[in-house]
């Protein structure tokens, strides 16, 4: 389970990546 969710956990640590030209 650790290897299965490793990529998702690393992505959560980096935070959210939103472009400056996004609609919100």
PDBML (XML) file of the C-alpha atoms, coordinates in Angstrom:
<?xml version="1.0" encoding="UTF-8" ?>
<PDBx:datablock datablockName="MODEL"
   xmlns:PDBx="http://pdbml.pdb.org/schema/pdbx-v50.xsd"
   xmlns:xsi="http://www.w3.org/2001/XMLSchema-instance"
   xsi:schemaLocation="http://pdbml.pdb.org/schema/pdbx-v50.xsd pdbx-v50.xsd">
   <PDBx:atom_siteCategory>
      <PDBx:atom_site id="1">
         <PDBx:B_iso_or_equiv>0.00</PDBx:B_iso_or_equiv>
         <PDBx:Cartn_x>0.000</PDBx:Cartn_x>
         <PDBx:Cartn_y>0.000</PDBx:Cartn_y>
         <PDBx:Cartn_z>0.000</PDBx:Cartn_z>
         <PDBx:auth_asym_id>A</PDBx:auth_asym_id>
         <PDBx:auth_atom_id>CA</PDBx:auth_atom_id>
         <PDBx:auth_comp_id>UNK</PDBx:auth_comp_id>
         <PDBx:auth_seq_id>1</PDBx:auth_seq_id>
         <PDBx:group_PDB>ATOM</PDBx:group_PDB>
         <PDBx:label_alt_id xsi:nil="true" />
         <PDBx:label_asym_id>A</PDBx:label_asym_id>
         <PDBx:label_atom_id>CA</PDBx:label_atom_id>
         <PDBx:label_comp_id>UNK</PDBx:label_comp_id>
         <PDBx:label_entity_id>1</PDBx:label_entity_id>
         <PDBx:label_seq_id>1</PDBx:label_seq_id>
         <PDBx:occupancy>1.00</PDBx:occupancy>
         <PDBx:pdbx_PDB_model_num>1</PDBx:pdbx_PDB_model_num>
         <PDBx:type_symbol>C</PDBx:type_symbol>
      </PDBx:atom_site>
      <PDBx:atom_site id="2">
         <PDBx:B_iso_or_equiv>0.00</PDBx:B_iso_or_equiv>
         <PDBx:Cartn_x>2.941</PDBx:Cartn_x>
         <PDBx:Cartn_y>2.321</PDBx:Cartn_y>
         <PDBx:Cartn_z>0.689</PDBx:Cartn_z>
         <PDBx:auth_asym_id>A</PDBx:auth_asym_id>
         <PDBx:auth_atom_id>CA</PDBx:auth_atom_id>
         <PDBx:auth_comp_id>UNK</PDBx:auth_comp_id>
         <PDBx:auth_seq_id>2</PDBx:auth_seq_id>
         <PDBx:group_PDB>ATOM</PDBx:group_PDB>
         <PDBx:label_alt_id xsi:nil="true" />
         <PDBx:label_asym_id>A</PDBx:label_asym_id>
         <PDBx:label_atom_id>CA</PDBx:label_atom_id>
         <PDBx:label_comp_id>UNK</PDBx:label_comp_id>
         <PDBx:label_entity_id>1</PDBx:label_entity_id>
         <PDBx:label_seq_id>2</PDBx:label_seq_id>
         <PDBx:occupancy>1.00</PDBx:occupancy>
         <PDBx:pdbx_PDB_model_num>1</PDBx:pdbx_PDB_model_num>
         <PDBx:type_symbol>C</PDBx:type_symbol>
      </PDBx:atom_site>
      <PDBx:atom_site id="3">
         <PDBx:B_iso_or_equiv>0.00</PDBx:B_iso_or_equiv>
         <PDBx:Cartn_x>4.369</PDBx:Cartn_x>
         <PDBx:Cartn_y>1.904</PDBx:Cartn_y>
         <PDBx:Cartn_z>-2.819</PDBx:Cartn_z>
         <PDBx:auth_asym_id>A</PDBx:auth_asym_id>
         <PDBx:auth_atom_id>CA</PDBx:auth_atom_id>
         <PDBx:auth_comp_id>UNK</PDBx:auth_comp_id>
         <PDBx:auth_seq_id>3</PDBx:auth_seq_id>
         <PDBx:group_PDB>ATOM</PDBx:group_PDB>
         <PDBx:label_alt_id xsi:nil="true" />
         <PDBx:label_asym_id>A</PDBx:label_asym_id>
         <PDBx:label_atom_id>CA</PDBx:label_atom_id>
         <PDBx:label_comp_id>UNK</PDBx:label_comp_id>
         <PDBx:label_entity_id>1</PDBx:label_entity_id>
         <PDBx:label_seq_id>3</PDBx:label_seq_id>
         <PDBx:occupancy>1.00</PDBx:occupancy>
         <PDBx:pdbx_PDB_model_num>1</PDBx:pdbx_PDB_model_num>
         <PDBx:type_symbol>C</PDBx:type_symbol>
      </PDBx:atom_site>
      <PDBx:atom_site id="4">
         <PDBx:B_iso_or_equiv>0.00</PDBx:B_iso_or_equiv>
         <PDBx:Cartn_x>0.877</PDBx:Cartn_x>
         <PDBx:Cartn_y>2.188</PDBx:Cartn_y>
         <PDBx:Cartn_z>-4.294</PDBx:Cartn_z>
         <PDBx:auth_asym_id>A</PDBx:auth_asym_id>
         <PDBx:auth_atom_id>CA</PDBx:auth_atom_id>
         <PDBx:auth_comp_id>UNK</PDBx:auth_comp_id>
         <PDBx:auth_seq_id>4</PDBx:auth_seq_id>
         <PDBx:group_PDB>ATOM</PDBx:group_PDB>
         <PDBx:label_alt_id xsi:nil="true" />
         <PDBx:label_asym_id>A</PDBx:label_asym_id>
         <PDBx:label_atom_id>CA</PDBx:label_atom_id>
         <PDBx:label_comp_id>UNK</PDBx:label_comp_id>
         <PDBx:label_entity_id>1</PDBx:label_entity_id>
         <PDBx:label_seq_id>4</PDBx:label_seq_id>
         <PDBx:occupancy>1.00</PDBx:occupancy>
         <PDBx:pdbx_PDB_model_num>1</PDBx:pdbx_PDB_model_num>
         <PDBx:type_symbol>C</PDBx:type_symbol>
      </PDBx:atom_site>
      <PDBx:atom_site id="5">
         <PDBx:B_iso_or_equiv>0.00</PDBx:B_iso_or_equiv>
         <PDBx:Cartn_x>0.259</PDBx:Cartn_x>
         <PDBx:Cartn_y>5.619</PDBx:Cartn_y>
         <PDBx:Cartn_z>-2.727</PDBx:Cartn_z>
         <PDBx:auth_asym_id>A</PDBx:auth_asym_id>
         <PDBx:auth_atom_id>CA</PDBx:auth_atom_id>
         <PDBx:auth_comp_id>UNK</PDBx:auth_comp_id>
         <PDBx:auth_seq_id>5</PDBx:auth_seq_id>
         <PDBx:group_PDB>ATOM</PDBx:group_PDB>
         <PDBx:label_alt_id xsi:nil="true" />
         <PDBx:label_asym_id>A</PDBx:label_asym_id>
         <PDBx:label_atom_id>CA</PDBx:label_atom_id>
         <PDBx:label_comp_id>UNK</PDBx:label_comp_id>
         <PDBx:label_entity_id>1</PDBx:label_entity_id>
         <PDBx:label_seq_id>5</PDBx:label_seq_id>
         <PDBx:occupancy>1.00</PDBx:occupancy>
         <PDBx:pdbx_PDB_model_num>1</PDBx:pdbx_PDB_model_num>
         <PDBx:type_symbol>C</PDBx:type_symbol>
      </PDBx:atom_site>
      <PDBx:atom_site id="6">
         <PDBx:B_iso_or_equiv>0.00</PDBx:B_iso_or_equiv>
         <PDBx:Cartn_x>3.860</PDBx:Cartn_x>
         <PDBx:Cartn_y>6.875</PDBx:Cartn_y>
         <PDBx:Cartn_z>-2.761</PDBx:Cartn_z>
         <PDBx:auth_asym_id>A</PDBx:auth_asym_id>
         <PDBx:auth_atom_id>CA</PDBx:auth_atom_id>
         <PDBx:auth_comp_id>UNK</PDBx:auth_comp_id>
         <PDBx:auth_seq_id>6</PDBx:auth_seq_id>
         <PDBx:group_PDB>ATOM</PDBx:group_PDB>
         <PDBx:label_alt_id xsi:nil="true" />
         <PDBx:label_asym_id>A</PDBx:label_asym_id>
         <PDBx:label_atom_id>CA</PDBx:label_atom_id>
         <PDBx:label_comp_id>UNK</PDBx:label_comp_id>
         <PDBx:label_entity_id>1</PDBx:label_entity_id>
         <PDBx:label_seq_id>6</PDBx:label_seq_id>
         <PDBx:occupancy>1.00</PDBx:occupancy>
         <PDBx:pdbx_PDB_model_num>1</PDBx:pdbx_PDB_model_num>
         <PDBx:type_symbol>C</PDBx:type_symbol>
      </PDBx:atom_site>
      <PDBx:atom_site id="7">
         <PDBx:B_iso_or_equiv>0.00</PDBx:B_iso_or_equiv>
         <PDBx:Cartn_x>3.435</PDBx:Cartn_x>
         <PDBx:Cartn_y>9.124</PDBx:Cartn_y>
         <PDBx:Cartn_z>-5.826</PDBx:Cartn_z>
         <PDBx:auth_asym_id>A</PDBx:auth_asym_id>
         <PDBx:auth_atom_id>CA</PDBx:auth_atom_id>
         <PDBx:auth_comp_id>UNK</PDBx:auth_comp_id>
         <PDBx:auth_seq_id>7</PDBx:auth_seq_id>
         <PDBx:group_PDB>ATOM</PDBx:group_PDB>
         <PDBx:label_alt_id xsi:nil="true" />
         <PDBx:label_asym_id>A</PDBx:label_asym_id>
         <PDBx:label_atom_id>CA</PDBx:label_atom_id>
         <PDBx:label_comp_id>UNK</PDBx:label_comp_id>
         <PDBx:label_entity_id>1</PDBx:label_entity_id>
         <PDBx:label_seq_id>7</PDBx:label_seq_id>
         <PDBx:occupancy>1.00</PDBx:occupancy>
         <PDBx:pdbx_PDB_model_num>1</PDBx:pdbx_PDB_model_num>
         <PDBx:type_symbol>C</PDBx:type_symbol>
      </PDBx:atom_site>
      <PDBx:atom_site id="8">
         <PDBx:B_iso_or_equiv>0.00</PDBx:B_iso_or_equiv>
         <PDBx:Cartn_x>0.201</PDBx:Cartn_x>
         <PDBx:Cartn_y>10.583</PDBx:Cartn_y>
         <PDBx:Cartn_z>-4.430</PDBx:Cartn_z>
         <PDBx:auth_asym_id>A</PDBx:auth_asym_id>
         <PDBx:auth_atom_id>CA</PDBx:auth_atom_id>
         <PDBx:auth_comp_id>UNK</PDBx:auth_comp_id>
         <PDBx:auth_seq_id>8</PDBx:auth_seq_id>
         <PDBx:group_PDB>ATOM</PDBx:group_PDB>
         <PDBx:label_alt_id xsi:nil="true" />
         <PDBx:label_asym_id>A</PDBx:label_asym_id>
         <PDBx:label_atom_id>CA</PDBx:label_atom_id>
         <PDBx:label_comp_id>UNK</PDBx:label_comp_id>
         <PDBx:label_entity_id>1</PDBx:label_entity_id>
         <PDBx:label_seq_id>8</PDBx:label_seq_id>
         <PDBx:occupancy>1.00</PDBx:occupancy>
         <PDBx:pdbx_PDB_model_num>1</PDBx:pdbx_PDB_model_num>
         <PDBx:type_symbol>C</PDBx:type_symbol>
      </PDBx:atom_site>
      <PDBx:atom_site id="9">
         <PDBx:B_iso_or_equiv>0.00</PDBx:B_iso_or_equiv>
         <PDBx:Cartn_x>1.818</PDBx:Cartn_x>
         <PDBx:Cartn_y>11.304</PDBx:Cartn_y>
         <PDBx:Cartn_z>-1.049</PDBx:Cartn_z>
         <PDBx:auth_asym_id>A</PDBx:auth_asym_id>
         <PDBx:auth_atom_id>CA</PDBx:auth_atom_id>
         <PDBx:auth_comp_id>UNK</PDBx:auth_comp_id>
         <PDBx:auth_seq_id>9</PDBx:auth_seq_id>
         <PDBx:group_PDB>ATOM</PDBx:group_PDB>
         <PDBx:label_alt_id xsi:nil="true" />
         <PDBx:label_asym_id>A</PDBx:label_asym_id>
         <PDBx:label_atom_id>CA</PDBx:label_atom_id>
         <PDBx:label_comp_id>UNK</PDBx:label_comp_id>
         <PDBx:label_entity_id>1</PDBx:label_entity_id>
         <PDBx:label_seq_id>9</PDBx:label_seq_id>
         <PDBx:occupancy>1.00</PDBx:occupancy>
         <PDBx:pdbx_PDB_model_num>1</PDBx:pdbx_PDB_model_num>
         <PDBx:type_symbol>C</PDBx:type_symbol>
      </PDBx:atom_site>
      <PDBx:atom_site id="10">
         <PDBx:B_iso_or_equiv>0.00</PDBx:B_iso_or_equiv>
         <PDBx:Cartn_x>4.753</PDBx:Cartn_x>
         <PDBx:Cartn_y>13.063</PDBx:Cartn_y>
         <PDBx:Cartn_z>-2.692</PDBx:Cartn_z>
         <PDBx:auth_asym_id>A</PDBx:auth_asym_id>
         <PDBx:auth_atom_id>CA</PDBx:auth_atom_id>
         <PDBx:auth_comp_id>UNK</PDBx:auth_comp_id>
         <PDBx:auth_seq_id>10</PDBx:auth_seq_id>
         <PDBx:group_PDB>ATOM</PDBx:group_PDB>
         <PDBx:label_alt_id xsi:nil="true" />
         <PDBx:label_asym_id>A</PDBx:label_asym_id>
         <PDBx:label_atom_id>CA</PDBx:label_atom_id>
         <PDBx:label_comp_id>UNK</PDBx:label_comp_id>
         <PDBx:label_entity_id>1</PDBx:label_entity_id>
         <PDBx:label_seq_id>10</PDBx:label_seq_id>
         <PDBx:occupancy>1.00</PDBx:occupancy>
         <PDBx:pdbx_PDB_model_num>1</PDBx:pdbx_PDB_model_num>
         <PDBx:type_symbol>C</PDBx:type_symbol>
      </PDBx:atom_site>
      <PDBx:atom_site id="11">
         <PDBx:B_iso_or_equiv>0.00</PDBx:B_iso_or_equiv>
         <PDBx:Cartn_x>2.378</PDBx:Cartn_x>
         <PDBx:Cartn_y>15.135</PDBx:Cartn_y>
         <PDBx:Cartn_z>-4.813</PDBx:Cartn_z>
         <PDBx:auth_asym_id>A</PDBx:auth_asym_id>
         <PDBx:auth_atom_id>CA</PDBx:auth_atom_id>
         <PDBx:auth_comp_id>UNK</PDBx:auth_comp_id>
         <PDBx:auth_seq_id>11</PDBx:auth_seq_id>
         <PDBx:group_PDB>ATOM</PDBx:group_PDB>
         <PDBx:label_alt_id xsi:nil="true" />
         <PDBx:label_asym_id>A</PDBx:label_asym_id>
         <PDBx:label_atom_id>CA</PDBx:label_atom_id>
         <PDBx:label_comp_id>UNK</PDBx:label_comp_id>
         <PDBx:label_entity_id>1</PDBx:label_entity_id>
         <PDBx:label_seq_id>11</PDBx:label_seq_id>
         <PDBx:occupancy>1.00</PDBx:occupancy>
         <PDBx:pdbx_PDB_model_num>1</PDBx:pdbx_PDB_model_num>
         <PDBx:type_symbol>C</PDBx:type_symbol>
      </PDBx:atom_site>
      <PDBx:atom_site id="12">
         <PDBx:B_iso_or_equiv>0.00</PDBx:B_iso_or_equiv>
         <PDBx:Cartn_x>0.454</PDBx:Cartn_x>
         <PDBx:Cartn_y>16.177</PDBx:Cartn_y>
         <PDBx:Cartn_z>-1.685</PDBx:Cartn_z>
         <PDBx:auth_asym_id>A</PDBx:auth_asym_id>
         <PDBx:auth_atom_id>CA</PDBx:auth_atom_id>
         <PDBx:auth_comp_id>UNK</PDBx:auth_comp_id>
         <PDBx:auth_seq_id>12</PDBx:auth_seq_id>
         <PDBx:group_PDB>ATOM</PDBx:group_PDB>
         <PDBx:label_alt_id xsi:nil="true" />
         <PDBx:label_asym_id>A</PDBx:label_asym_id>
         <PDBx:label_atom_id>CA</PDBx:label_atom_id>
         <PDBx:label_comp_id>UNK</PDBx:label_comp_id>
         <PDBx:label_entity_id>1</PDBx:label_entity_id>
         <PDBx:label_seq_id>12</PDBx:label_seq_id>
         <PDBx:occupancy>1.00</PDBx:occupancy>
         <PDBx:pdbx_PDB_model_num>1</PDBx:pdbx_PDB_model_num>
         <PDBx:type_symbol>C</PDBx:type_symbol>
      </PDBx:atom_site>
      <PDBx:atom_site id="13">
         <PDBx:B_iso_or_equiv>0.00</PDBx:B_iso_or_equiv>
         <PDBx:Cartn_x>3.680</PDBx:Cartn_x>
         <PDBx:Cartn_y>17.350</PDBx:Cartn_y>
         <PDBx:Cartn_z>-0.019</PDBx:Cartn_z>
         <PDBx:auth_asym_id>A</PDBx:auth_asym_id>
         <PDBx:auth_atom_id>CA</PDBx:auth_atom_id>
         <PDBx:auth_comp_id>UNK</PDBx:auth_comp_id>
         <PDBx:auth_seq_id>13</PDBx:auth_seq_id>
         <PDBx:group_PDB>ATOM</PDBx:group_PDB>
         <PDBx:label_alt_id xsi:nil="true" />
         <PDBx:label_asym_id>A</PDBx:label_asym_id>
         <PDBx:label_atom_id>CA</PDBx:label_atom_id>
         <PDBx:label_comp_id>UNK</PDBx:label_comp_id>
         <PDBx:label_entity_id>1</PDBx:label_entity_id>
         <PDBx:label_seq_id>13</PDBx:label_seq_id>
         <PDBx:occupancy>1.00</PDBx:occupancy>
         <PDBx:pdbx_PDB_model_num>1</PDBx:pdbx_PDB_model_num>
         <PDBx:type_symbol>C</PDBx:type_symbol>
      </PDBx:atom_site>
      <PDBx:atom_site id="14">
         <PDBx:B_iso_or_equiv>0.00</PDBx:B_iso_or_equiv>
         <PDBx:Cartn_x>4.469</PDBx:Cartn_x>
         <PDBx:Cartn_y>19.675</PDBx:Cartn_y>
         <PDBx:Cartn_z>-2.935</PDBx:Cartn_z>
         <PDBx:auth_asym_id>A</PDBx:auth_asym_id>
         <PDBx:auth_atom_id>CA</PDBx:auth_atom_id>
         <PDBx:auth_comp_id>UNK</PDBx:auth_comp_id>
         <PDBx:auth_seq_id>14</PDBx:auth_seq_id>
         <PDBx:group_PDB>ATOM</PDBx:group_PDB>
         <PDBx:label_alt_id xsi:nil="true" />
         <PDBx:label_asym_id>A</PDBx:label_asym_id>
         <PDBx:label_atom_id>CA</PDBx:label_atom_id>
         <PDBx:label_comp_id>UNK</PDBx:label_comp_id>
         <PDBx:label_entity_id>1</PDBx:label_entity_id>
         <PDBx:label_seq_id>14</PDBx:label_seq_id>
         <PDBx:occupancy>1.00</PDBx:occupancy>
         <PDBx:pdbx_PDB_model_num>1</PDBx:pdbx_PDB_model_num>
         <PDBx:type_symbol>C</PDBx:type_symbol>
      </PDBx:atom_site>
      <PDBx:atom_site id="15">
         <PDBx:B_iso_or_equiv>0.00</PDBx:B_iso_or_equiv>
         <PDBx:Cartn_x>1.184</PDBx:Cartn_x>
         <PDBx:Cartn_y>21.562</PDBx:Cartn_y>
         <PDBx:Cartn_z>-2.531</PDBx:Cartn_z>
         <PDBx:auth_asym_id>A</PDBx:auth_asym_id>
         <PDBx:auth_atom_id>CA</PDBx:auth_atom_id>
         <PDBx:auth_comp_id>UNK</PDBx:auth_comp_id>
         <PDBx:auth_seq_id>15</PDBx:auth_seq_id>
         <PDBx:group_PDB>ATOM</PDBx:group_PDB>
         <PDBx:label_alt_id xsi:nil="true" />
         <PDBx:label_asym_id>A</PDBx:label_asym_id>
         <PDBx:label_atom_id>CA</PDBx:label_atom_id>
         <PDBx:label_comp_id>UNK</PDBx:label_comp_id>
         <PDBx:label_entity_id>1</PDBx:label_entity_id>
         <PDBx:label_seq_id>15</PDBx:label_seq_id>
         <PDBx:occupancy>1.00</PDBx:occupancy>
         <PDBx:pdbx_PDB_model_num>1</PDBx:pdbx_PDB_model_num>
         <PDBx:type_symbol>C</PDBx:type_symbol>
      </PDBx:atom_site>
      <PDBx:atom_site id="16">
         <PDBx:B_iso_or_equiv>0.00</PDBx:B_iso_or_equiv>
         <PDBx:Cartn_x>-1.181</PDBx:Cartn_x>
         <PDBx:Cartn_y>22.770</PDBx:Cartn_y>
         <PDBx:Cartn_z>-5.222</PDBx:Cartn_z>
         <PDBx:auth_asym_id>A</PDBx:auth_asym_id>
         <PDBx:auth_atom_id>CA</PDBx:auth_atom_id>
         <PDBx:auth_comp_id>UNK</PDBx:auth_comp_id>
         <PDBx:auth_seq_id>16</PDBx:auth_seq_id>
         <PDBx:group_PDB>ATOM</PDBx:group_PDB>
         <PDBx:label_alt_id xsi:nil="true" />
         <PDBx:label_asym_id>A</PDBx:label_asym_id>
         <PDBx:label_atom_id>CA</PDBx:label_atom_id>
         <PDBx:label_comp_id>UNK</PDBx:label_comp_id>
         <PDBx:label_entity_id>1</PDBx:label_entity_id>
         <PDBx:label_seq_id>16</PDBx:label_seq_id>
         <PDBx:occupancy>1.00</PDBx:occupancy>
         <PDBx:pdbx_PDB_model_num>1</PDBx:pdbx_PDB_model_num>
         <PDBx:type_symbol>C</PDBx:type_symbol>
      </PDBx:atom_site>
      <PDBx:atom_site id="17">
         <PDBx:B_iso_or_equiv>0.00</PDBx:B_iso_or_equiv>
         <PDBx:Cartn_x>0.047</PDBx:Cartn_x>
         <PDBx:Cartn_y>24.017</PDBx:Cartn_y>
         <PDBx:Cartn_z>-8.593</PDBx:Cartn_z>
         <PDBx:auth_asym_id>A</PDBx:auth_asym_id>
         <PDBx:auth_atom_id>CA</PDBx:auth_atom_id>
         <PDBx:auth_comp_id>UNK</PDBx:auth_comp_id>
         <PDBx:auth_seq_id>17</PDBx:auth_seq_id>
         <PDBx:group_PDB>ATOM</PDBx:group_PDB>
         <PDBx:label_alt_id xsi:nil="true" />
         <PDBx:label_asym_id>A</PDBx:label_asym_id>
         <PDBx:label_atom_id>CA</PDBx:label_atom_id>
         <PDBx:label_comp_id>UNK</PDBx:label_comp_id>
         <PDBx:label_entity_id>1</PDBx:label_entity_id>
         <PDBx:label_seq_id>17</PDBx:label_seq_id>
         <PDBx:occupancy>1.00</PDBx:occupancy>
         <PDBx:pdbx_PDB_model_num>1</PDBx:pdbx_PDB_model_num>
         <PDBx:type_symbol>C</PDBx:type_symbol>
      </PDBx:atom_site>
      <PDBx:atom_site id="18">
         <PDBx:B_iso_or_equiv>0.00</PDBx:B_iso_or_equiv>
         <PDBx:Cartn_x>-2.378</PDBx:Cartn_x>
         <PDBx:Cartn_y>26.460</PDBx:Cartn_y>
         <PDBx:Cartn_z>-10.148</PDBx:Cartn_z>
         <PDBx:auth_asym_id>A</PDBx:auth_asym_id>
         <PDBx:auth_atom_id>CA</PDBx:auth_atom_id>
         <PDBx:auth_comp_id>UNK</PDBx:auth_comp_id>
         <PDBx:auth_seq_id>18</PDBx:auth_seq_id>
         <PDBx:group_PDB>ATOM</PDBx:group_PDB>
         <PDBx:label_alt_id xsi:nil="true" />
         <PDBx:label_asym_id>A</PDBx:label_asym_id>
         <PDBx:label_atom_id>CA</PDBx:label_atom_id>
         <PDBx:label_comp_id>UNK</PDBx:label_comp_id>
         <PDBx:label_entity_id>1</PDBx:label_entity_id>
         <PDBx:label_seq_id>18</PDBx:label_seq_id>
         <PDBx:occupancy>1.00</PDBx:occupancy>
         <PDBx:pdbx_PDB_model_num>1</PDBx:pdbx_PDB_model_num>
         <PDBx:type_symbol>C</PDBx:type_symbol>
      </PDBx:atom_site>
      <PDBx:atom_site id="19">
         <PDBx:B_iso_or_equiv>0.00</PDBx:B_iso_or_equiv>
         <PDBx:Cartn_x>-1.544</PDBx:Cartn_x>
         <PDBx:Cartn_y>28.549</PDBx:Cartn_y>
         <PDBx:Cartn_z>-13.162</PDBx:Cartn_z>
         <PDBx:auth_asym_id>A</PDBx:auth_asym_id>
         <PDBx:auth_atom_id>CA</PDBx:auth_atom_id>
         <PDBx:auth_comp_id>UNK</PDBx:auth_comp_id>
         <PDBx:auth_seq_id>19</PDBx:auth_seq_id>
         <PDBx:group_PDB>ATOM</PDBx:group_PDB>
         <PDBx:label_alt_id xsi:nil="true" />
         <PDBx:label_asym_id>A</PDBx:label_asym_id>
         <PDBx:label_atom_id>CA</PDBx:label_atom_id>
         <PDBx:label_comp_id>UNK</PDBx:label_comp_id>
         <PDBx:label_entity_id>1</PDBx:label_entity_id>
         <PDBx:label_seq_id>19</PDBx:label_seq_id>
         <PDBx:occupancy>1.00</PDBx:occupancy>
         <PDBx:pdbx_PDB_model_num>1</PDBx:pdbx_PDB_model_num>
         <PDBx:type_symbol>C</PDBx:type_symbol>
      </PDBx:atom_site>
      <PDBx:atom_site id="20">
         <PDBx:B_iso_or_equiv>0.00</PDBx:B_iso_or_equiv>
         <PDBx:Cartn_x>-1.800</PDBx:Cartn_x>
         <PDBx:Cartn_y>32.300</PDBx:Cartn_y>
         <PDBx:Cartn_z>-13.006</PDBx:Cartn_z>
         <PDBx:auth_asym_id>A</PDBx:auth_asym_id>
         <PDBx:auth_atom_id>CA</PDBx:auth_atom_id>
         <PDBx:auth_comp_id>UNK</PDBx:auth_comp_id>
         <PDBx:auth_seq_id>20</PDBx:auth_seq_id>
         <PDBx:group_PDB>ATOM</PDBx:group_PDB>
         <PDBx:label_alt_id xsi:nil="true" />
         <PDBx:label_asym_id>A</PDBx:label_asym_id>
         <PDBx:label_atom_id>CA</PDBx:label_atom_id>
         <PDBx:label_comp_id>UNK</PDBx:label_comp_id>
         <PDBx:label_entity_id>1</PDBx:label_entity_id>
         <PDBx:label_seq_id>20</PDBx:label_seq_id>
         <PDBx:occupancy>1.00</PDBx:occupancy>
         <PDBx:pdbx_PDB_model_num>1</PDBx:pdbx_PDB_model_num>
         <PDBx:type_symbol>C</PDBx:type_symbol>
      </PDBx:atom_site>
      <PDBx:atom_site id="21">
         <PDBx:B_iso_or_equiv>0.00</PDBx:B_iso_or_equiv>
         <PDBx:Cartn_x>-4.214</PDBx:Cartn_x>
         <PDBx:Cartn_y>32.338</PDBx:Cartn_y>
         <PDBx:Cartn_z>-15.955</PDBx:Cartn_z>
         <PDBx:auth_asym_id>A</PDBx:auth_asym_id>
         <PDBx:auth_atom_id>CA</PDBx:auth_atom_id>
         <PDBx:auth_comp_id>UNK</PDBx:auth_comp_id>
         <PDBx:auth_seq_id>21</PDBx:auth_seq_id>
         <PDBx:group_PDB>ATOM</PDBx:group_PDB>
         <PDBx:label_alt_id xsi:nil="true" />
         <PDBx:label_asym_id>A</PDBx:label_asym_id>
         <PDBx:label_atom_id>CA</PDBx:label_atom_id>
         <PDBx:label_comp_id>UNK</PDBx:label_comp_id>
         <PDBx:label_entity_id>1</PDBx:label_entity_id>
         <PDBx:label_seq_id>21</PDBx:label_seq_id>
         <PDBx:occupancy>1.00</PDBx:occupancy>
         <PDBx:pdbx_PDB_model_num>1</PDBx:pdbx_PDB_model_num>
         <PDBx:type_symbol>C</PDBx:type_symbol>
      </PDBx:atom_site>
      <PDBx:atom_site id="22">
         <PDBx:B_iso_or_equiv>0.00</PDBx:B_iso_or_equiv>
         <PDBx:Cartn_x>-6.657</PDBx:Cartn_x>
         <PDBx:Cartn_y>29.828</PDBx:Cartn_y>
         <PDBx:Cartn_z>-14.458</PDBx:Cartn_z>
         <PDBx:auth_asym_id>A</PDBx:auth_asym_id>
         <PDBx:auth_atom_id>CA</PDBx:auth_atom_id>
         <PDBx:auth_comp_id>UNK</PDBx:auth_comp_id>
         <PDBx:auth_seq_id>22</PDBx:auth_seq_id>
         <PDBx:group_PDB>ATOM</PDBx:group_PDB>
         <PDBx:label_alt_id xsi:nil="true" />
         <PDBx:label_asym_id>A</PDBx:label_asym_id>
         <PDBx:label_atom_id>CA</PDBx:label_atom_id>
         <PDBx:label_comp_id>UNK</PDBx:label_comp_id>
         <PDBx:label_entity_id>1</PDBx:label_entity_id>
         <PDBx:label_seq_id>22</PDBx:label_seq_id>
         <PDBx:occupancy>1.00</PDBx:occupancy>
         <PDBx:pdbx_PDB_model_num>1</PDBx:pdbx_PDB_model_num>
         <PDBx:type_symbol>C</PDBx:type_symbol>
      </PDBx:atom_site>
      <PDBx:atom_site id="23">
         <PDBx:B_iso_or_equiv>0.00</PDBx:B_iso_or_equiv>
         <PDBx:Cartn_x>-10.308</PDBx:Cartn_x>
         <PDBx:Cartn_y>30.821</PDBx:Cartn_y>
         <PDBx:Cartn_z>-14.459</PDBx:Cartn_z>
         <PDBx:auth_asym_id>A</PDBx:auth_asym_id>
         <PDBx:auth_atom_id>CA</PDBx:auth_atom_id>
         <PDBx:auth_comp_id>UNK</PDBx:auth_comp_id>
         <PDBx:auth_seq_id>23</PDBx:auth_seq_id>
         <PDBx:group_PDB>ATOM</PDBx:group_PDB>
         <PDBx:label_alt_id xsi:nil="true" />
         <PDBx:label_asym_id>A</PDBx:label_asym_id>
         <PDBx:label_atom_id>CA</PDBx:label_atom_id>
         <PDBx:label_comp_id>UNK</PDBx:label_comp_id>
         <PDBx:label_entity_id>1</PDBx:label_entity_id>
         <PDBx:label_seq_id>23</PDBx:label_seq_id>
         <PDBx:occupancy>1.00</PDBx:occupancy>
         <PDBx:pdbx_PDB_model_num>1</PDBx:pdbx_PDB_model_num>
         <PDBx:type_symbol>C</PDBx:type_symbol>
      </PDBx:atom_site>
      <PDBx:atom_site id="24">
         <PDBx:B_iso_or_equiv>0.00</PDBx:B_iso_or_equiv>
         <PDBx:Cartn_x>-10.718</PDBx:Cartn_x>
         <PDBx:Cartn_y>30.821</PDBx:Cartn_y>
         <PDBx:Cartn_z>-10.623</PDBx:Cartn_z>
         <PDBx:auth_asym_id>A</PDBx:auth_asym_id>
         <PDBx:auth_atom_id>CA</PDBx:auth_atom_id>
         <PDBx:auth_comp_id>UNK</PDBx:auth_comp_id>
         <PDBx:auth_seq_id>24</PDBx:auth_seq_id>
         <PDBx:group_PDB>ATOM</PDBx:group_PDB>
         <PDBx:label_alt_id xsi:nil="true" />
         <PDBx:label_asym_id>A</PDBx:label_asym_id>
         <PDBx:label_atom_id>CA</PDBx:label_atom_id>
         <PDBx:label_comp_id>UNK</PDBx:label_comp_id>
         <PDBx:label_entity_id>1</PDBx:label_entity_id>
         <PDBx:label_seq_id>24</PDBx:label_seq_id>
         <PDBx:occupancy>1.00</PDBx:occupancy>
         <PDBx:pdbx_PDB_model_num>1</PDBx:pdbx_PDB_model_num>
         <PDBx:type_symbol>C</PDBx:type_symbol>
      </PDBx:atom_site>
   </PDBx:atom_siteCategory>
</PDBx:datablock>
